[in-house]
Amino acid sequence: MMFKVYILYSDSLKKFYTGFTSNLEQRLLFHNEGKNHFSKKGIPWKIIVYFDIELKSDALKLEKQIKKNGAKRYLEGNNIEYSS
């Protein structure tokens, strides 16, 4: 099973959201249907970037690293273009 570490962006909040999942399409629907306390405030969310990771432990490490440094800083530090 592959895992995806993802970064979402909300235009209305001007904020990023980072997470991991094994089903990105389902997880994006979850966020955009308002089923998460934090993310329901930022609907609609859009996917900025995602990474395919084979091991769950590696996905958790990457998610933690992005959250620790901040998604915007992570994107800029890795030259990942995004439009906000």
C-alpha atoms as a PDB file:
ATOM      1  CA  MET A   1       0.000   0.000   0.000  1.00  0.00           C
ATOM      2  CA  MET A   2       1.244   3.487  -0.852  1.00  0.00           C
ATOM      3  CA  PHE A   3       0.722   6.482   1.384  1.00  0.00           C
ATOM      4  CA  LYS A   4       0.457  10.090   0.326  1.00  0.00           C
ATOM      5  CA  VAL A   5       1.714  13.044   2.319  1.00  0.00           C
ATOM      6  CA  TYR A   6      -0.200  16.071   1.110  1.00  0.00           C
ATOM      7  CA  ILE A   7      -0.331  19.825   1.491  1.00  0.00           C
ATOM      8  CA  LEU A   8      -3.656  21.572   0.953  1.00  0.00           C
ATOM      9  CA  TYR A   9      -4.338  25.292   0.716  1.00  0.00           C
ATOM     10  CA  SER A  10      -7.415  27.327   1.595  1.00  0.00           C
ATOM     11  CA  ASP A  11      -7.886  30.640  -0.202  1.00  0.00           C
ATOM     12  CA  SER A  12     -10.471  31.767   2.351  1.00  0.00           C
ATOM     13  CA  LEU A  13      -8.175  31.178   5.356  1.00  0.00           C
ATOM     14  CA  LYS A  14      -4.881  31.816   3.535  1.00  0.00           C
ATOM     15  CA  LYS A  15      -3.583  28.734   5.363  1.00  0.00           C
ATOM     16  CA  PHE A  16      -2.017  25.383   4.554  1.00  0.00           C
ATOM     17  CA  TYR A  17      -3.024  21.986   5.907  1.00  0.00           C
ATOM     18  CA  THR A  18      -0.642  19.018   5.921  1.00  0.00           C
ATOM     19  CA  GLY A  19      -1.596  15.382   6.404  1.00  0.00           C
ATOM     20  CA  PHE A  20      -1.124  11.840   5.181  1.00  0.00           C
ATOM     21  CA  THR A  21      -3.504   9.217   3.863  1.00  0.00           C
ATOM     22  CA  SER A  22      -3.729   6.071   1.784  1.00  0.00           C
ATOM     23  CA  ASN A  23      -6.584   7.545  -0.302  1.00  0.00           C
ATOM     24  CA  LEU A  24      -6.031  11.161  -1.317  1.00  0.00           C
ATOM     25  CA  GLU A  25      -9.274  11.631  -3.236  1.00  0.00           C
ATOM     26  CA  GLN A  26     -11.355  10.401  -0.293  1.00  0.00           C
ATOM     27  CA  ARG A  27      -9.357  12.507   2.159  1.00  0.00           C
ATOM     28  CA  LEU A  28      -9.820  15.677   0.073  1.00  0.00           C
ATOM     29  CA  LEU A  29     -13.573  15.028   0.017  1.00  0.00           C
ATOM     30  CA  PHE A  30     -13.464  14.600   3.813  1.00  0.00           C
ATOM     31  CA  HIS A  31     -11.864  18.029   4.200  1.00  0.00           C
ATOM     32  CA  ASN A  32     -14.143  19.724   1.670  1.00  0.00           C
ATOM     33  CA  GLU A  33     -17.305  18.224   3.179  1.00  0.00           C
ATOM     34  CA  GLY A  34     -16.472  19.874   6.512  1.00  0.00           C
ATOM     35  CA  LYS A  35     -15.943  16.656   8.470  1.00  0.00           C
ATOM     36  CA  ASN A  36     -12.774  17.929  10.161  1.00  0.00           C
ATOM     37  CA  HIS A  37     -13.080  20.640  12.841  1.00  0.00           C
ATOM     38  CA  PHE A  38     -10.188  22.756  11.561  1.00  0.00           C
ATOM     39  CA  SER A  39     -10.551  22.231   7.838  1.00  0.00           C
ATOM     40  CA  LYS A  40     -14.295  22.899   7.649  1.00  0.00           C
ATOM     41  CA  LYS A  41     -13.531  26.585   8.172  1.00  0.00           C
ATOM     42  CA  GLY A  42     -11.388  26.707   5.021  1.00  0.00           C
ATOM     43  CA  ILE A  43     -13.604  25.065   2.408  1.00  0.00           C
ATOM     44  CA  PRO A  44     -12.770  24.673  -0.432  1.00  0.00           C
ATOM     45  CA  TRP A  45      -9.313  23.157  -0.021  1.00  0.00           C
ATOM     46  CA  LYS A  46      -7.085  22.516  -3.002  1.00  0.00           C
ATOM     47  CA  ILE A  47      -4.165  20.155  -3.315  1.00  0.00           C
ATOM     48  CA  ILE A  48      -0.873  22.012  -3.627  1.00  0.00           C
ATOM     49  CA  VAL A  49       1.403  18.976  -3.715  1.00  0.00           C
ATOM     50  CA  TYR A  50       1.534  15.356  -2.609  1.00  0.00           C
ATOM     51  CA  PHE A  51       4.281  12.798  -2.252  1.00  0.00           C
ATOM     52  CA  ASP A  52       3.943   9.033  -2.746  1.00  0.00           C
ATOM     53  CA  ILE A  53       5.589   7.228   0.171  1.00  0.00           C
ATOM     54  CA  GLU A  54       5.833   3.449   0.431  1.00  0.00           C
ATOM     55  CA  LEU A  55       6.160   3.022   4.194  1.00  0.00           C
ATOM     56  CA  LYS A  56       3.712   4.458   6.706  1.00  0.00           C
ATOM     57  CA  SER A  57       6.563   5.275   9.086  1.00  0.00           C
ATOM     58  CA  ASP A  58       8.288   7.336   6.374  1.00  0.00           C
ATOM     59  CA  ALA A  59       5.021   9.127   5.564  1.00  0.00           C
ATOM     60  CA  LEU A  60       4.587  10.044   9.231  1.00  0.00           C
ATOM     61  CA  LYS A  61       8.178  11.334   9.388  1.00  0.00           C
ATOM     62  CA  LEU A  62       7.703  13.539   6.333  1.00  0.00           C
ATOM     63  CA  GLU A  63       4.360  14.844   7.615  1.00  0.00           C
ATOM     64  CA  LYS A  64       5.982  15.703  10.957  1.00  0.00           C
ATOM     65  CA  GLN A  65       8.921  17.421   9.223  1.00  0.00           C
ATOM     66  CA  ILE A  66       6.600  19.567   7.089  1.00  0.00           C
ATOM     67  CA  LYS A  67       4.441  20.513  10.073  1.00  0.00           C
ATOM     68  CA  LYS A  68       7.495  21.342  12.190  1.00  0.00           C
ATOM     69  CA  ASN A  69       8.961  23.680   9.569  1.00  0.00           C
ATOM     70  CA  GLY A  70       5.665  24.997   8.222  1.00  0.00           C
ATOM     71  CA  ALA A  71       4.184  24.056   4.867  1.00  0.00           C
ATOM     72  CA  LYS A  72       4.973  27.378   3.183  1.00  0.00           C
ATOM     73  CA  ARG A  73       8.597  27.271   4.308  1.00  0.00           C
ATOM     74  CA  TYR A  74       8.852  23.623   3.238  1.00  0.00           C
ATOM     75  CA  LEU A  75       7.484  24.413  -0.237  1.00  0.00           C
ATOM     76  CA  GLU A  76       9.770  27.403  -0.709  1.00  0.00           C
ATOM     77  CA  GLY A  77      12.827  25.562   0.642  1.00  0.00           C
ATOM     78  CA  ASN A  78      12.288  22.723  -1.811  1.00  0.00           C
ATOM     79  CA  ASN A  79      11.501  25.021  -4.768  1.00  0.00           C
ATOM     80  CA  ILE A  80       7.970  23.672  -5.118  1.00  0.00           C
ATOM     81  CA  GLU A  81       5.824  26.187  -6.966  1.00  0.00           C
ATOM     82  CA  TYR A  82       2.295  26.817  -5.825  1.00  0.00           C
ATOM     83  CA  SER A  83      -0.282  29.504  -6.346  1.00  0.00           C
ATOM     84  CA  SER A  84      -2.037  30.926  -3.329  1.00  0.00           C
END
